[in-house]
Amino acid sequence: MFLWTEESAAFWNDSAAYTRSYDHLAEKTAAHLTPGGNLFEGGCGLGHLSVALAKRGFAVTAMDLSPLPLRYIPGTSGLTVRQGDAFALPPQEVYDGGLFCFFGGVPETLAWARVHCRDTLVLFKKNWSTHRFTKDPGAVRKFTYPLTCAELERLGVPF
């Protein structure tokens, strides 16, 4: 779990406002989703992707384990915010699509999707091999794009 602080929340909010990267992600993601569908984002953090998708006409339920980042999510039409464990709390409905952005492994997200998602599951993964924002830039050992691709191929899941 990402350890949120007031300082990290401010940094990531500033970053999102400066780069508009979540608007770009939402645009690319929306092309793979049922137009106007209901979506679930697990591990939403500050909710930037969820907000951007809600502004594109999706009904989005955004959930994060940590209550701190959820305080920063602006009220947006079509957006519901929940605090809790995306894998432990049962969703309130079956969703057209599910999103897990830099959160969760393949087994957990596929198990979630089998029960709670009727259409598309979108996984965003790291595409770098070392930690980039720590004093010790050790190797990233899980939840990377290459490891996710290998696991999906092993399981025979199209992606």
C-alpha atoms as a PDB file:
ATOM      1  CA  MET A   1       0.000   0.000   0.000  1.00  0.00           C
ATOM      2  CA  PHE A   2       1.198   3.505  -0.812  1.00  0.00           C
ATOM      3  CA  LEU A   3       1.765   5.446   2.411  1.00  0.00           C
ATOM      4  CA  TRP A   4      -0.042   8.744   1.939  1.00  0.00           C
ATOM      5  CA  THR A   5       0.963  11.916   3.766  1.00  0.00           C
ATOM      6  CA  GLU A   6      -0.318  15.470   3.405  1.00  0.00           C
ATOM      7  CA  GLU A   7       2.937  16.297   1.598  1.00  0.00           C
ATOM      8  CA  SER A   8       2.696  13.405  -0.862  1.00  0.00           C
ATOM      9  CA  ALA A   9      -0.951  14.211  -1.581  1.00  0.00           C
ATOM     10  CA  ALA A  10      -0.033  17.834  -2.321  1.00  0.00           C
ATOM     11  CA  PHE A  11       2.865  16.730  -4.543  1.00  0.00           C
ATOM     12  CA  TRP A  12       0.739  14.285  -6.594  1.00  0.00           C
ATOM     13  CA  ASN A  13      -2.106  16.804  -6.890  1.00  0.00           C
ATOM     14  CA  ASP A  14       0.313  19.426  -8.196  1.00  0.00           C
ATOM     15  CA  SER A  15       1.831  16.902 -10.583  1.00  0.00           C
ATOM     16  CA  ALA A  16      -1.557  15.873 -11.951  1.00  0.00           C
ATOM     17  CA  ALA A  17      -2.595  19.506 -12.472  1.00  0.00           C
ATOM     18  CA  TYR A  18       0.661  20.349 -14.218  1.00  0.00           C
ATOM     19  CA  THR A  19       0.862  17.376 -16.562  1.00  0.00           C
ATOM     20  CA  ARG A  20      -2.816  16.526 -17.135  1.00  0.00           C
ATOM     21  CA  SER A  21      -1.614  12.921 -17.409  1.00  0.00           C
ATOM     22  CA  TYR A  22      -4.833  11.532 -15.955  1.00  0.00           C
ATOM     23  CA  ASP A  23      -6.905  13.256 -18.645  1.00  0.00           C
ATOM     24  CA  HIS A  24      -4.689  11.556 -21.215  1.00  0.00           C
ATOM     25  CA  LEU A  25      -5.061   8.176 -19.444  1.00  0.00           C
ATOM     26  CA  ALA A  26      -8.826   8.620 -19.275  1.00  0.00           C
ATOM     27  CA  GLU A  27      -9.011   9.426 -22.983  1.00  0.00           C
ATOM     28  CA  LYS A  28      -6.999   6.328 -23.915  1.00  0.00           C
ATOM     29  CA  THR A  29      -8.842   4.132 -21.410  1.00  0.00           C
ATOM     30  CA  ALA A  30     -12.321   5.254 -22.459  1.00  0.00           C
ATOM     31  CA  ALA A  31     -11.703   3.871 -25.949  1.00  0.00           C
ATOM     32  CA  HIS A  32     -11.627   0.352 -24.440  1.00  0.00           C
ATOM     33  CA  LEU A  33     -14.697   0.693 -22.216  1.00  0.00           C
ATOM     34  CA  THR A  34     -18.455   0.486 -22.701  1.00  0.00           C
ATOM     35  CA  PRO A  35     -19.494   4.103 -23.418  1.00  0.00           C
ATOM     36  CA  GLY A  36     -21.337   5.554 -20.431  1.00  0.00           C
ATOM     37  CA  GLY A  37     -20.807   2.353 -18.450  1.00  0.00           C
ATOM     38  CA  ASN A  38     -20.410   1.979 -14.726  1.00  0.00           C
ATOM     39  CA  LEU A  39     -16.799   1.550 -13.627  1.00  0.00           C
ATOM     40  CA  PHE A  40     -14.909   0.654 -10.482  1.00  0.00           C
ATOM     41  CA  GLU A  41     -11.415   1.943  -9.733  1.00  0.00           C
ATOM     42  CA  GLY A  42      -9.588   0.076  -6.984  1.00  0.00           C
ATOM     43  CA  GLY A  43      -6.703   1.849  -5.298  1.00  0.00           C
ATOM     44  CA  CYS A  44      -7.864   5.205  -6.660  1.00  0.00           C
ATOM     45  CA  GLY A  45      -5.625   7.359  -4.466  1.00  0.00           C
ATOM     46  CA  LEU A  46      -6.452  10.996  -5.150  1.00  0.00           C
ATOM     47  CA  GLY A  47      -9.060   9.956  -7.705  1.00  0.00           C
ATOM     48  CA  HIS A  48      -7.704  11.851 -10.697  1.00  0.00           C
ATOM     49  CA  LEU A  49      -8.414   9.029 -13.157  1.00  0.00           C
ATOM     50  CA  SER A  50     -11.865   8.427 -11.693  1.00  0.00           C
ATOM     51  CA  VAL A  51     -12.743  12.130 -11.930  1.00  0.00           C
ATOM     52  CA  ALA A  52     -11.503  12.314 -15.524  1.00  0.00           C
ATOM     53  CA  LEU A  53     -13.609   9.276 -16.490  1.00  0.00           C
ATOM     54  CA  ALA A  54     -16.695  10.621 -14.700  1.00  0.00           C
ATOM     55  CA  LYS A  55     -16.321  13.851 -16.684  1.00  0.00           C
ATOM     56  CA  ARG A  56     -16.437  11.682 -19.832  1.00  0.00           C
ATOM     57  CA  GLY A  57     -19.868  10.333 -18.901  1.00  0.00           C
ATOM     58  CA  PHE A  58     -18.982   7.191 -16.963  1.00  0.00           C
ATOM     59  CA  ALA A  59     -20.504   6.360 -13.586  1.00  0.00           C
ATOM     60  CA  VAL A  60     -17.432   5.652 -11.440  1.00  0.00           C
ATOM     61  CA  THR A  61     -17.031   4.158  -7.986  1.00  0.00           C
ATOM     62  CA  ALA A  62     -13.565   5.040  -6.680  1.00  0.00           C
ATOM     63  CA  MET A  63     -12.160   3.139  -3.696  1.00  0.00           C
ATOM     64  CA  ASP A  64      -8.950   3.390  -1.718  1.00  0.00           C
ATOM     65  CA  LEU A  65      -7.828   1.745   1.500  1.00  0.00           C
ATOM     66  CA  SER A  66      -6.382   4.972   2.875  1.00  0.00           C
ATOM     67  CA  PRO A  67      -8.860   7.675   3.934  1.00  0.00           C
ATOM     68  CA  LEU A  68      -6.330  10.521   3.526  1.00  0.00           C
ATOM     69  CA  PRO A  69      -6.258  10.816  -0.285  1.00  0.00           C
ATOM     70  CA  LEU A  70     -10.030  10.452  -0.518  1.00  0.00           C
ATOM     71  CA  ARG A  71     -10.438  13.792   1.264  1.00  0.00           C
ATOM     72  CA  TYR A  72      -8.890  15.502  -1.770  1.00  0.00           C
ATOM     73  CA  ILE A  73     -11.280  14.078  -4.376  1.00  0.00           C
ATOM     74  CA  PRO A  74     -13.607  16.824  -5.591  1.00  0.00           C
ATOM     75  CA  GLY A  75     -17.329  16.224  -5.758  1.00  0.00           C
ATOM     76  CA  THR A  76     -18.020  15.281  -9.349  1.00  0.00           C
ATOM     77  CA  SER A  77     -21.247  14.234 -11.025  1.00  0.00           C
ATOM     78  CA  GLY A  78     -21.204  10.501 -11.678  1.00  0.00           C
ATOM     79  CA  LEU A  79     -18.529   9.782  -9.063  1.00  0.00           C
ATOM     80  CA  THR A  80     -19.007   7.791  -5.850  1.00  0.00           C
ATOM     81  CA  VAL A  81     -16.100   7.562  -3.397  1.00  0.00           C
ATOM     82  CA  ARG A  82     -15.702   4.668  -0.935  1.00  0.00           C
ATOM     83  CA  GLN A  83     -13.016   3.960   1.632  1.00  0.00           C
ATOM     84  CA  GLY A  84     -11.951   0.352   2.082  1.00  0.00           C
ATOM     85  CA  ASP A  85     -10.117  -2.652   0.713  1.00  0.00           C
ATOM     86  CA  ALA A  86     -11.108  -3.209  -2.911  1.00  0.00           C
ATOM     87  CA  PHE A  87     -10.451  -6.935  -2.596  1.00  0.00           C
ATOM     88  CA  ALA A  88     -12.156  -7.477   0.785  1.00  0.00           C
ATOM     89  CA  LEU A  89     -15.269  -5.259   0.647  1.00  0.00           C
ATOM     90  CA  PRO A  90     -17.919  -6.542  -1.708  1.00  0.00           C
ATOM     91  CA  PRO A  91     -18.771  -4.053  -4.444  1.00  0.00           C
ATOM     92  CA  GLN A  92     -22.292  -2.728  -4.317  1.00  0.00           C
ATOM     93  CA  GLU A  93     -22.984  -3.824  -7.900  1.00  0.00           C
ATOM     94  CA  VAL A  94     -21.506  -5.598 -10.916  1.00  0.00           C
ATOM     95  CA  TYR A  95     -19.533  -3.136 -13.014  1.00  0.00           C
ATOM     96  CA  ASP A  96     -19.104  -2.809 -16.773  1.00  0.00           C
ATOM     97  CA  GLY A  97     -15.405  -2.147 -16.261  1.00  0.00           C
ATOM     98  CA  GLY A  98     -12.758  -2.282 -13.586  1.00  0.00           C
ATOM     99  CA  LEU A  99      -9.538  -0.287 -13.268  1.00  0.00           C
ATOM    100  CA  PHE A 100      -6.520  -0.912 -11.105  1.00  0.00           C
ATOM    101  CA  CYS A 101      -3.859   1.761 -11.578  1.00  0.00           C
ATOM    102  CA  PHE A 102      -0.443   0.649 -10.230  1.00  0.00           C
ATOM    103  CA  PHE A 103      -2.310  -1.443  -7.672  1.00  0.00           C
ATOM    104  CA  GLY A 104      -2.854  -5.144  -7.210  1.00  0.00           C
ATOM    105  CA  GLY A 105      -1.359  -8.223  -8.740  1.00  0.00           C
ATOM    106  CA  VAL A 106      -2.704 -10.341 -11.567  1.00  0.00           C
ATOM    107  CA  PRO A 107      -4.264 -13.070  -9.370  1.00  0.00           C
ATOM    108  CA  GLU A 108      -6.119 -10.565  -7.170  1.00  0.00           C
ATOM    109  CA  THR A 109      -7.389  -8.377  -9.984  1.00  0.00           C
ATOM    110  CA  LEU A 110      -8.492 -11.305 -12.156  1.00  0.00           C
ATOM    111  CA  ALA A 111     -10.299 -12.890  -9.207  1.00  0.00           C
ATOM    112  CA  TRP A 112     -12.035  -9.566  -8.547  1.00  0.00           C
ATOM    113  CA  ALA A 113     -12.997  -9.193 -12.218  1.00  0.00           C
ATOM    114  CA  ARG A 114     -14.478 -12.708 -12.452  1.00  0.00           C
ATOM    115  CA  VAL A 115     -17.024 -11.804  -9.786  1.00  0.00           C
ATOM    116  CA  HIS A 116     -17.540  -8.056 -10.124  1.00  0.00           C
ATOM    117  CA  CYS A 117     -16.860  -7.078 -13.756  1.00  0.00           C
ATOM    118  CA  ARG A 118     -19.009  -7.961 -16.750  1.00  0.00           C
ATOM    119  CA  ASP A 119     -16.802  -6.500 -19.464  1.00  0.00           C
ATOM    120  CA  THR A 120     -13.315  -4.954 -19.463  1.00  0.00           C
ATOM    121  CA  LEU A 121     -10.601  -4.963 -16.813  1.00  0.00           C
ATOM    122  CA  VAL A 122      -7.880  -2.324 -17.246  1.00  0.00           C
ATOM    123  CA  LEU A 123      -4.570  -2.738 -15.432  1.00  0.00           C
ATOM    124  CA  PHE A 124      -1.967   0.021 -15.400  1.00  0.00           C
ATOM    125  CA  LYS A 125       1.479  -1.288 -14.491  1.00  0.00           C
ATOM    126  CA  LYS A 126       4.949   0.123 -14.000  1.00  0.00           C
ATOM    127  CA  ASN A 127       7.120  -0.063 -17.086  1.00  0.00           C
ATOM    128  CA  TRP A 128      10.441   0.458 -15.348  1.00  0.00           C
ATOM    129  CA  SER A 129      12.720  -1.950 -13.557  1.00  0.00           C
ATOM    130  CA  THR A 130      14.042   0.063 -10.603  1.00  0.00           C
ATOM    131  CA  HIS A 131      12.426   2.222  -7.951  1.00  0.00           C
ATOM    132  CA  ARG A 132      12.762   5.792  -9.162  1.00  0.00           C
ATOM    133  CA  PHE A 133      11.786   7.892  -6.155  1.00  0.00           C
ATOM    134  CA  THR A 134      13.617   6.248  -3.269  1.00  0.00           C
ATOM    135  CA  LYS A 135      17.075   6.533  -1.744  1.00  0.00           C
ATOM    136  CA  ASP A 136      17.740   2.911  -2.668  1.00  0.00           C
ATOM    137  CA  PRO A 137      16.814   2.417  -6.349  1.00  0.00           C
ATOM    138  CA  GLY A 138      16.509  -1.350  -5.957  1.00  0.00           C
ATOM    139  CA  ALA A 139      14.766  -3.537  -8.483  1.00  0.00           C
ATOM    140  CA  VAL A 140      10.990  -3.511  -8.783  1.00  0.00           C
ATOM    141  CA  ARG A 141      10.098  -7.130  -8.110  1.00  0.00           C
ATOM    142  CA  LYS A 142       6.340  -7.225  -8.681  1.00  0.00           C
ATOM    143  CA  PHE A 143       3.434  -5.498 -10.410  1.00  0.00           C
ATOM    144  CA  THR A 144       5.489  -4.464 -13.439  1.00  0.00           C
ATOM    145  CA  TYR A 145       4.267  -4.440 -17.018  1.00  0.00           C
ATOM    146  CA  PRO A 146       6.595  -7.253 -18.216  1.00  0.00           C
ATOM    147  CA  LEU A 147       5.691  -9.474 -15.256  1.00  0.00           C
ATOM    148  CA  THR A 148       1.981  -8.773 -15.771  1.00  0.00           C
ATOM    149  CA  CYS A 149       2.217  -9.657 -19.482  1.00  0.00           C
ATOM    150  CA  ALA A 150       4.049 -12.891 -18.675  1.00  0.00           C
ATOM    151  CA  GLU A 151       1.441 -13.860 -16.079  1.00  0.00           C
ATOM    152  CA  LEU A 152      -1.480 -13.106 -18.411  1.00  0.00           C
ATOM    153  CA  GLU A 153       0.166 -15.139 -21.176  1.00  0.00           C
ATOM    154  CA  ARG A 154       0.765 -18.030 -18.767  1.00  0.00           C
ATOM    155  CA  LEU A 155      -2.893 -17.974 -17.771  1.00  0.00           C
ATOM    156  CA  GLY A 156      -4.106 -17.652 -21.366  1.00  0.00           C
ATOM    157  CA  VAL A 157      -5.873 -14.346 -20.700  1.00  0.00           C
ATOM    158  CA  PRO A 158      -6.110 -12.097 -23.758  1.00  0.00           C
ATOM    159  CA  PHE A 159      -4.751  -8.607 -23.305  1.00  0.00           C
END
